[in-house]
Amino acid sequence: MTHTSFAIPASVLDLAPVPEGATVADALQNTIALAQDAERLGYHRYWLAEHHNMAGIASAATAVVIGQVAAATSRIRVGAGGIMLPNHSPLVIAEQFGTLETLFPGRIDLGLGRAPGSDQLTATALRRNHSSADHFPEDVVELLGLLGDSADGQPVRAVPGEGTHVPVWILGSSLFGAQLAAHLGLPYAFASHFAPDALDQAVEIYRGRFTPGITDAPRFMLAVNVWAADTQQEARRLMSSQQQAFINLRSGRPGRLPRPVDDISKVTDPRYLALADRALRISAVGDKAAVAEGLKTLISNYQPDELLVCSAIHDPVARRRSHEITTEALSSF
């Protein structure tokens, strides 16, 4: 069943989770299968994120995985949500995404983040200095230039890359990204699926201070967790994997995506569970009707131009079913 008429455009954010009991190879195959489903179901984009030294996330070599997903699909836009630019030189990213755009014209997106996507020791192992995040605005401008049309006599050019004009998004979970996206006239995606505290203020700043640049008008994407199932009880059970993963990460015990449990309160400290639920509050959980109501409320509250759906679910079959129910929910209002 294919759905193409959504309330607003909806896209998928896939962290390529490695479930407990599975391998990294399994996770990458699950990503390709979900991307093929997402295309069939009518999702607009399929984004992958850069994280390093994390046993539960398989998309560290983000551009490589994007290439595999793009090759396994034919229409859906594929991109990074995001590339952590402080880990890289702008030239390398321009070459990588220029190559992807050349291979898959009109289908590649480049979302950029300022965080390292790792711990400090890993950031050092990536061979970037500790102050690289301080140069994020300049690096973004340099990258935009490398992806744009080259100037006469330009000494350094991205080949492939120059002239591809790969669409660039700014990603963020603080006010910094909102200000930068507004200043440069770039589209903006907020990481409200795990860090929603500054959401309201960031959206206000982005829209209020936006000056036309790469784009003529503000374009805001809201990241939202969705755990959808055929019953409310099963959806809550699926959600427990992400709750446990969040608690494990904040407790200094990151690992693979935990198996779901029937009663999350029996396996977690209530103080940590409260922190997890606060961080994951931009979510829609339940059966189709409940997810439709939850998404409708979020759309009404924040008026996003697009939704970015994140569904960390242990069972890949249940994850694919969750995305299917989500499209049904989005098509119902």
C-alpha atoms as a PDB file:
ATOM      1  CA  MET A   1       0.000   0.000   0.000  1.00  0.00           C
ATOM      2  CA  THR A   2       1.463   3.358  -1.022  1.00  0.00           C
ATOM      3  CA  HIS A   3       0.588   6.698   0.574  1.00  0.00           C
ATOM      4  CA  THR A   4       1.449  10.001  -1.091  1.00  0.00           C
ATOM      5  CA  SER A   5      -1.058  12.475   0.358  1.00  0.00           C
ATOM      6  CA  PHE A   6       0.271  13.502   3.777  1.00  0.00           C
ATOM      7  CA  ALA A   7      -0.874  16.423   5.911  1.00  0.00           C
ATOM      8  CA  ILE A   8       2.618  17.891   5.374  1.00  0.00           C
ATOM      9  CA  PRO A   9       5.763  16.350   3.854  1.00  0.00           C
ATOM     10  CA  ALA A  10       7.232  13.703   6.125  1.00  0.00           C
ATOM     11  CA  SER A  11      10.719  12.228   6.092  1.00  0.00           C
ATOM     12  CA  VAL A  12      12.633   9.527   7.954  1.00  0.00           C
ATOM     13  CA  LEU A  13      15.629   9.939  10.259  1.00  0.00           C
ATOM     14  CA  ASP A  14      17.406   6.599  10.639  1.00  0.00           C
ATOM     15  CA  LEU A  15      20.243   6.231  13.145  1.00  0.00           C
ATOM     16  CA  ALA A  16      20.904   2.739  11.759  1.00  0.00           C
ATOM     17  CA  PRO A  17      20.376   1.233  15.232  1.00  0.00           C
ATOM     18  CA  VAL A  18      22.186  -1.978  16.106  1.00  0.00           C
ATOM     19  CA  PRO A  19      19.720  -3.965  18.220  1.00  0.00           C
ATOM     20  CA  GLU A  20      20.824  -6.245  21.042  1.00  0.00           C
ATOM     21  CA  GLY A  21      21.350  -9.709  19.575  1.00  0.00           C
ATOM     22  CA  ALA A  22      22.040  -8.371  16.069  1.00  0.00           C
ATOM     23  CA  THR A  23      25.174  -7.390  14.153  1.00  0.00           C
ATOM     24  CA  VAL A  24      26.273  -4.185  12.467  1.00  0.00           C
ATOM     25  CA  ALA A  25      25.740  -5.935   9.141  1.00  0.00           C
ATOM     26  CA  ASP A  26      22.147  -6.677  10.193  1.00  0.00           C
ATOM     27  CA  ALA A  27      21.640  -3.004  11.077  1.00  0.00           C
ATOM     28  CA  LEU A  28      22.837  -1.801   7.682  1.00  0.00           C
ATOM     29  CA  GLN A  29      20.644  -4.290   5.849  1.00  0.00           C
ATOM     30  CA  ASN A  30      17.705  -3.147   8.007  1.00  0.00           C
ATOM     31  CA  THR A  31      18.435   0.448   6.958  1.00  0.00           C
ATOM     32  CA  ILE A  32      18.314  -0.419   3.269  1.00  0.00           C
ATOM     33  CA  ALA A  33      15.056  -2.350   3.704  1.00  0.00           C
ATOM     34  CA  LEU A  34      13.450   0.515   5.621  1.00  0.00           C
ATOM     35  CA  ALA A  35      14.581   3.042   3.006  1.00  0.00           C
ATOM     36  CA  GLN A  36      12.937   0.985   0.281  1.00  0.00           C
ATOM     37  CA  ASP A  37       9.754   0.900   2.368  1.00  0.00           C
ATOM     38  CA  ALA A  38       9.966   4.652   2.991  1.00  0.00           C
ATOM     39  CA  GLU A  39      10.143   5.318  -0.732  1.00  0.00           C
ATOM     40  CA  ARG A  40       7.173   3.045  -1.420  1.00  0.00           C
ATOM     41  CA  LEU A  41       5.144   4.686   1.353  1.00  0.00           C
ATOM     42  CA  GLY A  42       5.691   8.206   0.051  1.00  0.00           C
ATOM     43  CA  TYR A  43       8.182   9.669   2.517  1.00  0.00           C
ATOM     44  CA  HIS A  44      10.025  12.676   1.095  1.00  0.00           C
ATOM     45  CA  ARG A  45      13.557  12.158   2.425  1.00  0.00           C
ATOM     46  CA  TYR A  46      15.620   9.475   4.132  1.00  0.00           C
ATOM     47  CA  TRP A  47      18.339  10.880   6.370  1.00  0.00           C
ATOM     48  CA  LEU A  48      21.189   9.193   8.237  1.00  0.00           C
ATOM     49  CA  ALA A  49      23.263  10.633  11.051  1.00  0.00           C
ATOM     50  CA  GLU A  50      26.963  10.684  11.908  1.00  0.00           C
ATOM     51  CA  HIS A  51      27.939   9.198  15.273  1.00  0.00           C
ATOM     52  CA  HIS A  52      31.266   7.667  16.271  1.00  0.00           C
ATOM     53  CA  ASN A  53      32.449   5.108  18.827  1.00  0.00           C
ATOM     54  CA  MET A  54      28.854   4.047  19.580  1.00  0.00           C
ATOM     55  CA  ALA A  55      28.111   0.333  19.586  1.00  0.00           C
ATOM     56  CA  GLY A  56      24.430   0.947  18.926  1.00  0.00           C
ATOM     57  CA  ILE A  57      24.718   3.094  15.772  1.00  0.00           C
ATOM     58  CA  ALA A  58      26.003   1.781  12.431  1.00  0.00           C
ATOM     59  CA  SER A  59      26.081   4.985  10.333  1.00  0.00           C
ATOM     60  CA  ALA A  60      29.500   6.365  11.309  1.00  0.00           C
ATOM     61  CA  ALA A  61      30.639   6.433   7.661  1.00  0.00           C
ATOM     62  CA  THR A  62      27.538   8.420   6.813  1.00  0.00           C
ATOM     63  CA  ALA A  63      28.300   9.275   3.187  1.00  0.00           C
ATOM     64  CA  VAL A  64      29.051   5.624   2.417  1.00  0.00           C
ATOM     65  CA  VAL A  65      25.702   4.491   3.839  1.00  0.00           C
ATOM     66  CA  ILE A  66      23.889   7.293   2.001  1.00  0.00           C
ATOM     67  CA  GLY A  67      25.386   6.008  -1.246  1.00  0.00           C
ATOM     68  CA  GLN A  68      24.139   2.481  -0.541  1.00  0.00           C
ATOM     69  CA  VAL A  69      20.649   3.723   0.339  1.00  0.00           C
ATOM     70  CA  ALA A  70      20.484   5.920  -2.758  1.00  0.00           C
ATOM     71  CA  ALA A  71      21.589   2.989  -4.923  1.00  0.00           C
ATOM     72  CA  ALA A  72      18.900   0.749  -3.413  1.00  0.00           C
ATOM     73  CA  THR A  73      16.127   3.291  -4.094  1.00  0.00           C
ATOM     74  CA  SER A  74      15.159   5.347  -7.113  1.00  0.00           C
ATOM     75  CA  ARG A  75      13.174   8.475  -6.153  1.00  0.00           C
ATOM     76  CA  ILE A  76      13.349   9.350  -2.473  1.00  0.00           C
ATOM     77  CA  ARG A  77      15.801  12.076  -1.457  1.00  0.00           C
ATOM     78  CA  VAL A  78      18.663  10.715   0.655  1.00  0.00           C
ATOM     79  CA  GLY A  79      20.965  12.691   2.880  1.00  0.00           C
ATOM     80  CA  ALA A  80      22.669  13.436   6.169  1.00  0.00           C
ATOM     81  CA  GLY A  81      20.827  14.443   9.262  1.00  0.00           C
ATOM     82  CA  GLY A  82      23.532  15.260   9.826  1.00  0.00           C
ATOM     83  CA  ILE A  83      27.215  15.441   9.102  1.00  0.00           C
ATOM     84  CA  MET A  84      29.077  16.808  12.136  1.00  0.00           C
ATOM     85  CA  LEU A  85      31.180  19.369  10.304  1.00  0.00           C
ATOM     86  CA  PRO A  86      33.736  19.973  13.104  1.00  0.00           C
ATOM     87  CA  ASN A  87      34.980  16.422  12.455  1.00  0.00           C
ATOM     88  CA  HIS A  88      35.883  17.185   8.837  1.00  0.00           C
ATOM     89  CA  SER A  89      37.351  19.695   6.456  1.00  0.00           C
ATOM     90  CA  PRO A  90      34.717  21.406   4.303  1.00  0.00           C
ATOM     91  CA  LEU A  91      36.587  20.267   1.172  1.00  0.00           C
ATOM     92  CA  VAL A  92      36.274  16.575   2.067  1.00  0.00           C
ATOM     93  CA  ILE A  93      32.521  16.911   2.689  1.00  0.00           C
ATOM     94  CA  ALA A  94      32.060  18.901  -0.532  1.00  0.00           C
ATOM     95  CA  GLU A  95      33.827  16.137  -2.443  1.00  0.00           C
ATOM     96  CA  GLN A  96      31.839  13.366  -0.743  1.00  0.00           C
ATOM     97  CA  PHE A  97      28.433  14.948  -1.250  1.00  0.00           C
ATOM     98  CA  GLY A  98      29.364  16.320  -4.645  1.00  0.00           C
ATOM     99  CA  THR A  99      30.175  12.751  -5.647  1.00  0.00           C
ATOM    100  CA  LEU A 100      26.848  11.527  -4.265  1.00  0.00           C
ATOM    101  CA  GLU A 101      24.945  14.268  -6.101  1.00  0.00           C
ATOM    102  CA  THR A 102      26.794  13.456  -9.314  1.00  0.00           C
ATOM    103  CA  LEU A 103      25.893   9.777  -8.984  1.00  0.00           C
ATOM    104  CA  PHE A 104      22.294  10.443  -7.856  1.00  0.00           C
ATOM    105  CA  PRO A 105      21.368  13.845  -9.334  1.00  0.00           C
ATOM    106  CA  GLY A 106      18.602  15.769  -7.647  1.00  0.00           C
ATOM    107  CA  ARG A 107      18.312  13.345  -4.722  1.00  0.00           C
ATOM    108  CA  ILE A 108      21.007  14.285  -2.173  1.00  0.00           C
ATOM    109  CA  ASP A 109      20.664  16.499   0.929  1.00  0.00           C
ATOM    110  CA  LEU A 110      23.385  17.683   3.307  1.00  0.00           C
ATOM    111  CA  GLY A 111      22.386  18.490   6.878  1.00  0.00           C
ATOM    112  CA  LEU A 112      25.159  19.987   9.012  1.00  0.00           C
ATOM    113  CA  GLY A 113      25.600  19.886  12.777  1.00  0.00           C
ATOM    114  CA  ARG A 114      28.080  21.589  15.101  1.00  0.00           C
ATOM    115  CA  ALA A 115      28.348  18.862  17.752  1.00  0.00           C
ATOM    116  CA  PRO A 116      31.099  16.227  17.421  1.00  0.00           C
ATOM    117  CA  GLY A 117      28.673  13.289  17.476  1.00  0.00           C
ATOM    118  CA  SER A 118      31.041  11.551  19.862  1.00  0.00           C
ATOM    119  CA  ASP A 119      32.992  11.948  23.091  1.00  0.00           C
ATOM    120  CA  GLN A 120      36.059  14.190  23.294  1.00  0.00           C
ATOM    121  CA  LEU A 121      38.542  11.311  23.095  1.00  0.00           C
ATOM    122  CA  THR A 122      36.886  10.082  19.909  1.00  0.00           C
ATOM    123  CA  ALA A 123      36.820  13.605  18.520  1.00  0.00           C
ATOM    124  CA  THR A 124      40.577  13.734  19.006  1.00  0.00           C
ATOM    125  CA  ALA A 125      40.932  10.351  17.292  1.00  0.00           C
ATOM    126  CA  LEU A 126      39.123  11.883  14.305  1.00  0.00           C
ATOM    127  CA  ARG A 127      42.160  14.190  14.036  1.00  0.00           C
ATOM    128  CA  ARG A 128      40.328  17.439  14.599  1.00  0.00           C
ATOM    129  CA  ASN A 129      41.388  19.984  17.185  1.00  0.00           C
ATOM    130  CA  HIS A 130      39.315  20.938  20.197  1.00  0.00           C
ATOM    131  CA  SER A 131      38.396  24.365  18.808  1.00  0.00           C
ATOM    132  CA  SER A 132      37.064  23.162  15.447  1.00  0.00           C
ATOM    133  CA  ALA A 133      33.436  23.668  16.536  1.00  0.00           C
ATOM    134  CA  ASP A 134      34.237  27.368  17.070  1.00  0.00           C
ATOM    135  CA  HIS A 135      34.778  27.716  13.320  1.00  0.00           C
ATOM    136  CA  PHE A 136      31.467  26.116  12.350  1.00  0.00           C
ATOM    137  CA  PRO A 137      29.947  29.242  10.719  1.00  0.00           C
ATOM    138  CA  GLU A 138      33.063  29.867   8.628  1.00  0.00           C
ATOM    139  CA  ASP A 139      33.234  26.182   7.672  1.00  0.00           C
ATOM    140  CA  VAL A 140      29.594  26.230   6.553  1.00  0.00           C
ATOM    141  CA  VAL A 141      30.219  29.284   4.354  1.00  0.00           C
ATOM    142  CA  GLU A 142      33.349  27.639   2.908  1.00  0.00           C
ATOM    143  CA  LEU A 143      31.401  24.455   2.182  1.00  0.00           C
ATOM    144  CA  LEU A 144      28.602  26.388   0.481  1.00  0.00           C
ATOM    145  CA  GLY A 145      31.199  28.045  -1.718  1.00  0.00           C
ATOM    146  CA  LEU A 146      32.774  24.728  -2.671  1.00  0.00           C
ATOM    147  CA  LEU A 147      29.385  23.313  -3.686  1.00  0.00           C
ATOM    148  CA  GLY A 148      28.488  26.433  -5.653  1.00  0.00           C
ATOM    149  CA  ASP A 149      29.782  27.695  -8.964  1.00  0.00           C
ATOM    150  CA  SER A 150      33.559  28.087  -9.024  1.00  0.00           C
ATOM    151  CA  ALA A 151      35.105  31.501  -9.577  1.00  0.00           C
ATOM    152  CA  ASP A 152      37.780  32.320 -12.120  1.00  0.00           C
ATOM    153  CA  GLY A 153      41.189  31.574 -10.660  1.00  0.00           C
ATOM    154  CA  GLN A 154      39.773  29.804  -7.615  1.00  0.00           C
ATOM    155  CA  PRO A 155      42.787  27.913  -6.220  1.00  0.00           C
ATOM    156  CA  VAL A 156      40.939  25.080  -4.456  1.00  0.00           C
ATOM    157  CA  ARG A 157      37.965  23.390  -6.062  1.00  0.00           C
ATOM    158  CA  ALA A 158      35.831  20.407  -5.086  1.00  0.00           C
ATOM    159  CA  VAL A 159      35.842  17.914  -7.949  1.00  0.00           C
ATOM    160  CA  PRO A 160      33.233  16.435  -7.873  1.00  0.00           C
ATOM    161  CA  GLY A 161      31.304  19.045  -5.935  1.00  0.00           C
ATOM    162  CA  GLU A 162      31.552  22.434  -7.558  1.00  0.00           C
ATOM    163  CA  GLY A 163      28.383  23.484  -9.313  1.00  0.00           C
ATOM    164  CA  THR A 164      26.296  20.707  -7.743  1.00  0.00           C
ATOM    165  CA  HIS A 165      24.516  23.098  -5.327  1.00  0.00           C
ATOM    166  CA  VAL A 166      23.666  20.235  -2.954  1.00  0.00           C
ATOM    167  CA  PRO A 167      20.878  21.553  -0.680  1.00  0.00           C
ATOM    168  CA  VAL A 168      22.352  22.348   2.744  1.00  0.00           C
ATOM    169  CA  TRP A 169      20.369  22.333   5.988  1.00  0.00           C
ATOM    170  CA  ILE A 170      21.491  23.517   9.402  1.00  0.00           C
ATOM    171  CA  LEU A 171      20.673  21.112  12.224  1.00  0.00           C
ATOM    172  CA  GLY A 172      20.628  22.056  15.862  1.00  0.00           C
ATOM    173  CA  SER A 173      19.361  21.560  19.374  1.00  0.00           C
ATOM    174  CA  SER A 174      20.246  25.041  20.657  1.00  0.00           C
ATOM    175  CA  LEU A 175      19.740  28.659  19.635  1.00  0.00           C
ATOM    176  CA  PHE A 176      23.095  28.841  17.833  1.00  0.00           C
ATOM    177  CA  GLY A 177      21.981  26.816  14.825  1.00  0.00           C
ATOM    178  CA  ALA A 178      18.723  28.756  14.578  1.00  0.00           C
ATOM    179  CA  GLN A 179      20.626  32.049  14.447  1.00  0.00           C
ATOM    180  CA  LEU A 180      23.097  30.750  11.872  1.00  0.00           C
ATOM    181  CA  ALA A 181      20.406  29.263   9.621  1.00  0.00           C
ATOM    182  CA  ALA A 182      18.436  32.515   9.785  1.00  0.00           C
ATOM    183  CA  HIS A 183      21.524  34.611   9.020  1.00  0.00           C
ATOM    184  CA  LEU A 184      22.587  32.512   6.021  1.00  0.00           C
ATOM    185  CA  GLY A 185      19.054  31.981   4.733  1.00  0.00           C
ATOM    186  CA  LEU A 186      19.241  28.198   5.032  1.00  0.00           C
ATOM    187  CA  PRO A 187      16.569  25.641   5.937  1.00  0.00           C
ATOM    188  CA  TYR A 188      16.664  24.500   9.566  1.00  0.00           C
ATOM    189  CA  ALA A 189      15.924  21.222  11.324  1.00  0.00           C
ATOM    190  CA  PHE A 190      15.647  21.077  15.111  1.00  0.00           C
ATOM    191  CA  ALA A 191      16.682  17.946  17.039  1.00  0.00           C
ATOM    192  CA  SER A 192      13.528  17.951  19.122  1.00  0.00           C
ATOM    193  CA  HIS A 193      13.435  14.147  19.120  1.00  0.00           C
ATOM    194  CA  PHE A 194      16.030  14.064  21.922  1.00  0.00           C
ATOM    195  CA  ALA A 195      16.741  17.668  23.024  1.00  0.00           C
ATOM    196  CA  PRO A 196      13.505  19.662  22.919  1.00  0.00           C
ATOM    197  CA  ASP A 197      14.141  22.196  25.686  1.00  0.00           C
ATOM    198  CA  ALA A 198      15.081  25.100  23.381  1.00  0.00           C
ATOM    199  CA  LEU A 199      12.597  24.188  20.651  1.00  0.00           C
ATOM    200  CA  ASP A 200      10.079  26.996  21.074  1.00  0.00           C
ATOM    201  CA  GLN A 201      12.687  29.727  21.332  1.00  0.00           C
ATOM    202  CA  ALA A 202      14.777  28.338  18.465  1.00  0.00           C
ATOM    203  CA  VAL A 203      11.821  28.274  16.083  1.00  0.00           C
ATOM    204  CA  GLU A 204      10.876  31.820  17.062  1.00  0.00           C
ATOM    205  CA  ILE A 205      14.430  33.061  16.476  1.00  0.00           C
ATOM    206  CA  TYR A 206      14.780  31.254  13.159  1.00  0.00           C
ATOM    207  CA  ARG A 207      11.540  32.573  11.714  1.00  0.00           C
ATOM    208  CA  GLY A 208      11.863  36.030  13.227  1.00  0.00           C
ATOM    209  CA  ARG A 209      15.432  36.688  12.097  1.00  0.00           C
ATOM    210  CA  PHE A 210      15.409  34.869   8.757  1.00  0.00           C
ATOM    211  CA  THR A 211      16.932  36.783   5.871  1.00  0.00           C
ATOM    212  CA  PRO A 212      16.668  35.376   2.334  1.00  0.00           C
ATOM    213  CA  GLY A 213      19.843  33.676   1.221  1.00  0.00           C
ATOM    214  CA  ILE A 214      20.158  30.208  -0.251  1.00  0.00           C
ATOM    215  CA  THR A 215      16.391  29.951   0.227  1.00  0.00           C
ATOM    216  CA  ASP A 216      13.876  32.775  -0.115  1.00  0.00           C
ATOM    217  CA  ALA A 217      11.769  31.917   2.946  1.00  0.00           C
ATOM    218  CA  PRO A 218      12.281  30.015   6.200  1.00  0.00           C
ATOM    219  CA  ARG A 219      11.827  26.261   6.001  1.00  0.00           C
ATOM    220  CA  PHE A 220      11.594  24.481   9.331  1.00  0.00           C
ATOM    221  CA  MET A 221      11.703  20.734   9.895  1.00  0.00           C
ATOM    222  CA  LEU A 222      10.498  19.292  13.213  1.00  0.00           C
ATOM    223  CA  ALA A 223      12.092  16.032  14.362  1.00  0.00           C
ATOM    224  CA  VAL A 224       9.583  13.830  16.183  1.00  0.00           C
ATOM    225  CA  ASN A 225       9.754  10.351  17.674  1.00  0.00           C
ATOM    226  CA  VAL A 226       7.017   8.000  16.570  1.00  0.00           C
ATOM    227  CA  TRP A 227       6.317   4.574  18.003  1.00  0.00           C
ATOM    228  CA  ALA A 228       3.283   3.220  16.177  1.00  0.00           C
ATOM    229  CA  ALA A 229       1.756  -0.241  16.458  1.00  0.00           C
ATOM    230  CA  ASP A 230      -1.596  -1.921  16.061  1.00  0.00           C
ATOM    231  CA  THR A 231      -2.324  -1.446  19.783  1.00  0.00           C
ATOM    232  CA  GLN A 232      -1.490   1.205  22.348  1.00  0.00           C
ATOM    233  CA  GLN A 233       0.128  -1.379  24.597  1.00  0.00           C
ATOM    234  CA  GLU A 234       2.451  -2.655  21.877  1.00  0.00           C
ATOM    235  CA  ALA A 235       3.487   0.885  20.917  1.00  0.00           C
ATOM    236  CA  ARG A 236       4.410   1.679  24.526  1.00  0.00           C
ATOM    237  CA  ARG A 237       6.390  -1.557  24.624  1.00  0.00           C
ATOM    238  CA  LEU A 238       8.293  -0.599  21.469  1.00  0.00           C
ATOM    239  CA  MET A 239       9.085   2.809  22.975  1.00  0.00           C
ATOM    240  CA  SER A 240      10.740   1.173  25.994  1.00  0.00           C
ATOM    241  CA  SER A 241      13.817   0.319  23.912  1.00  0.00           C
ATOM    242  CA  GLN A 242      14.575   4.003  23.290  1.00  0.00           C
ATOM    243  CA  GLN A 243      13.807   4.900  26.905  1.00  0.00           C
ATOM    244  CA  GLN A 244      16.326   2.316  28.069  1.00  0.00           C
ATOM    245  CA  ALA A 245      18.885   3.423  25.477  1.00  0.00           C
ATOM    246  CA  PHE A 246      18.592   7.052  26.574  1.00  0.00           C
ATOM    247  CA  ILE A 247      19.016   6.108  30.238  1.00  0.00           C
ATOM    248  CA  ASN A 248      21.994   3.891  29.431  1.00  0.00           C
ATOM    249  CA  LEU A 249      23.653   6.703  27.488  1.00  0.00           C
ATOM    250  CA  ARG A 250      23.090   9.285  30.204  1.00  0.00           C
ATOM    251  CA  SER A 251      24.347   6.802  32.807  1.00  0.00           C
ATOM    252  CA  GLY A 252      27.600   6.293  30.928  1.00  0.00           C
ATOM    253  CA  ARG A 253      26.637   2.819  29.727  1.00  0.00           C
ATOM    254  CA  PRO A 254      25.930   3.230  26.009  1.00  0.00           C
ATOM    255  CA  GLY A 255      25.398   0.069  24.029  1.00  0.00           C
ATOM    256  CA  ARG A 256      23.186  -1.591  21.486  1.00  0.00           C
ATOM    257  CA  LEU A 257      19.475  -0.824  21.302  1.00  0.00           C
ATOM    258  CA  PRO A 258      17.891  -2.771  24.179  1.00  0.00           C
ATOM    259  CA  ARG A 259      15.124  -5.282  23.800  1.00  0.00           C
ATOM    260  CA  PRO A 260      11.696  -3.854  24.697  1.00  0.00           C
ATOM    261  CA  VAL A 261      10.064  -4.587  28.034  1.00  0.00           C
ATOM    262  CA  ASP A 262       6.426  -4.758  29.053  1.00  0.00           C
ATOM    263  CA  ASP A 263       6.839  -2.422  32.033  1.00  0.00           C
ATOM    264  CA  ILE A 264       9.635   0.131  31.785  1.00  0.00           C
ATOM    265  CA  SER A 265       9.149   1.212  35.403  1.00  0.00           C
ATOM    266  CA  LYS A 266      10.330  -2.195  36.630  1.00  0.00           C
ATOM    267  CA  VAL A 267      13.743  -1.996  34.986  1.00  0.00           C
ATOM    268  CA  THR A 268      14.715   1.664  35.437  1.00  0.00           C
ATOM    269  CA  ASP A 269      15.289   4.171  38.200  1.00  0.00           C
ATOM    270  CA  PRO A 270      12.241   6.493  38.233  1.00  0.00           C
ATOM    271  CA  ARG A 271      14.494   9.563  38.332  1.00  0.00           C
ATOM    272  CA  TYR A 272      16.276   8.510  35.130  1.00  0.00           C
ATOM    273  CA  LEU A 273      12.980   7.520  33.529  1.00  0.00           C
ATOM    274  CA  ALA A 274      11.607  11.006  34.206  1.00  0.00           C
ATOM    275  CA  LEU A 275      14.662  12.526  32.500  1.00  0.00           C
ATOM    276  CA  ALA A 276      14.225  10.213  29.509  1.00  0.00           C
ATOM    277  CA  ASP A 277      10.548  11.011  29.166  1.00  0.00           C
ATOM    278  CA  ARG A 278      11.271  14.737  29.327  1.00  0.00           C
ATOM    279  CA  ALA A 279      13.889  14.429  26.572  1.00  0.00           C
ATOM    280  CA  LEU A 280      11.596  12.268  24.413  1.00  0.00           C
ATOM    281  CA  ARG A 281       8.455  14.337  24.880  1.00  0.00           C
ATOM    282  CA  ILE A 282       8.203  15.472  21.247  1.00  0.00           C
ATOM    283  CA  SER A 283       6.687  12.134  20.327  1.00  0.00           C
ATOM    284  CA  ALA A 284       3.590  10.390  19.069  1.00  0.00           C
ATOM    285  CA  VAL A 285       2.935   6.957  20.550  1.00  0.00           C
ATOM    286  CA  GLY A 286       0.133   4.453  20.061  1.00  0.00           C
ATOM    287  CA  ASP A 287      -2.116   3.019  17.397  1.00  0.00           C
ATOM    288  CA  LYS A 288      -3.002   4.864  14.180  1.00  0.00           C
ATOM    289  CA  ALA A 289      -5.627   7.065  15.829  1.00  0.00           C
ATOM    290  CA  ALA A 290      -3.367   8.046  18.723  1.00  0.00           C
ATOM    291  CA  VAL A 291      -0.406   8.747  16.440  1.00  0.00           C
ATOM    292  CA  ALA A 292      -2.615  10.843  14.142  1.00  0.00           C
ATOM    293  CA  GLU A 293      -3.828  12.886  17.107  1.00  0.00           C
ATOM    294  CA  GLY A 294      -0.286  13.306  18.455  1.00  0.00           C
ATOM    295  CA  LEU A 295       1.123  14.423  15.121  1.00  0.00           C
ATOM    296  CA  LYS A 296      -1.814  16.737  14.475  1.00  0.00           C
ATOM    297  CA  THR A 297      -1.175  18.448  17.820  1.00  0.00           C
ATOM    298  CA  LEU A 298       2.546  18.876  17.133  1.00  0.00           C
ATOM    299  CA  ILE A 299       1.859  20.265  13.661  1.00  0.00           C
ATOM    300  CA  SER A 300      -0.691  22.692  15.106  1.00  0.00           C
ATOM    301  CA  ASN A 301       1.687  23.821  17.865  1.00  0.00           C
ATOM    302  CA  TYR A 302       4.842  24.325  15.789  1.00  0.00           C
ATOM    303  CA  GLN A 303       3.592  24.786  12.213  1.00  0.00           C
ATOM    304  CA  PRO A 304       6.565  22.937  10.688  1.00  0.00           C
ATOM    305  CA  ASP A 305       7.050  22.803   6.943  1.00  0.00           C
ATOM    306  CA  GLU A 306       8.085  19.173   7.234  1.00  0.00           C
ATOM    307  CA  LEU A 307       8.250  16.362   9.792  1.00  0.00           C
ATOM    308  CA  LEU A 308      11.347  14.236  10.378  1.00  0.00           C
ATOM    309  CA  VAL A 309      10.204  10.935  11.878  1.00  0.00           C
ATOM    310  CA  CYS A 310      12.594   8.995  14.100  1.00  0.00           C
ATOM    311  CA  SER A 311      11.573   5.515  15.284  1.00  0.00           C
ATOM    312  CA  ALA A 312      14.188   3.619  17.274  1.00  0.00           C
ATOM    313  CA  ILE A 313      12.640   0.151  17.485  1.00  0.00           C
ATOM    314  CA  HIS A 314      14.420  -3.087  18.346  1.00  0.00           C
ATOM    315  CA  ASP A 315      12.602  -5.380  15.919  1.00  0.00           C
ATOM    316  CA  PRO A 316      13.192  -4.275  12.295  1.00  0.00           C
ATOM    317  CA  VAL A 317       9.851  -5.727  11.207  1.00  0.00           C
ATOM    318  CA  ALA A 318       8.039  -3.740  13.910  1.00  0.00           C
ATOM    319  CA  ARG A 319      10.023  -0.633  12.897  1.00  0.00           C
ATOM    320  CA  ARG A 320       8.901  -0.967   9.299  1.00  0.00           C
ATOM    321  CA  ARG A 321       5.317  -1.490  10.456  1.00  0.00           C
ATOM    322  CA  SER A 322       5.560   1.621  12.652  1.00  0.00           C
ATOM    323  CA  HIS A 323       6.537   3.738   9.652  1.00  0.00           C
ATOM    324  CA  GLU A 324       3.672   2.271   7.652  1.00  0.00           C
ATOM    325  CA  ILE A 325       1.153   3.137  10.374  1.00  0.00           C
ATOM    326  CA  THR A 326       2.664   6.612  10.575  1.00  0.00           C
ATOM    327  CA  THR A 327       1.947   7.229   6.896  1.00  0.00           C
ATOM    328  CA  GLU A 328      -1.600   6.010   7.422  1.00  0.00           C
ATOM    329  CA  ALA A 329      -1.945   8.445  10.339  1.00  0.00           C
ATOM    330  CA  LEU A 330      -0.544  11.352   8.291  1.00  0.00           C
ATOM    331  CA  SER A 331      -2.938  10.548   5.466  1.00  0.00           C
ATOM    332  CA  SER A 332      -5.964  10.590   7.793  1.00  0.00           C
ATOM    333  CA  PHE A 333      -6.122  14.355   8.471  1.00  0.00           C
END
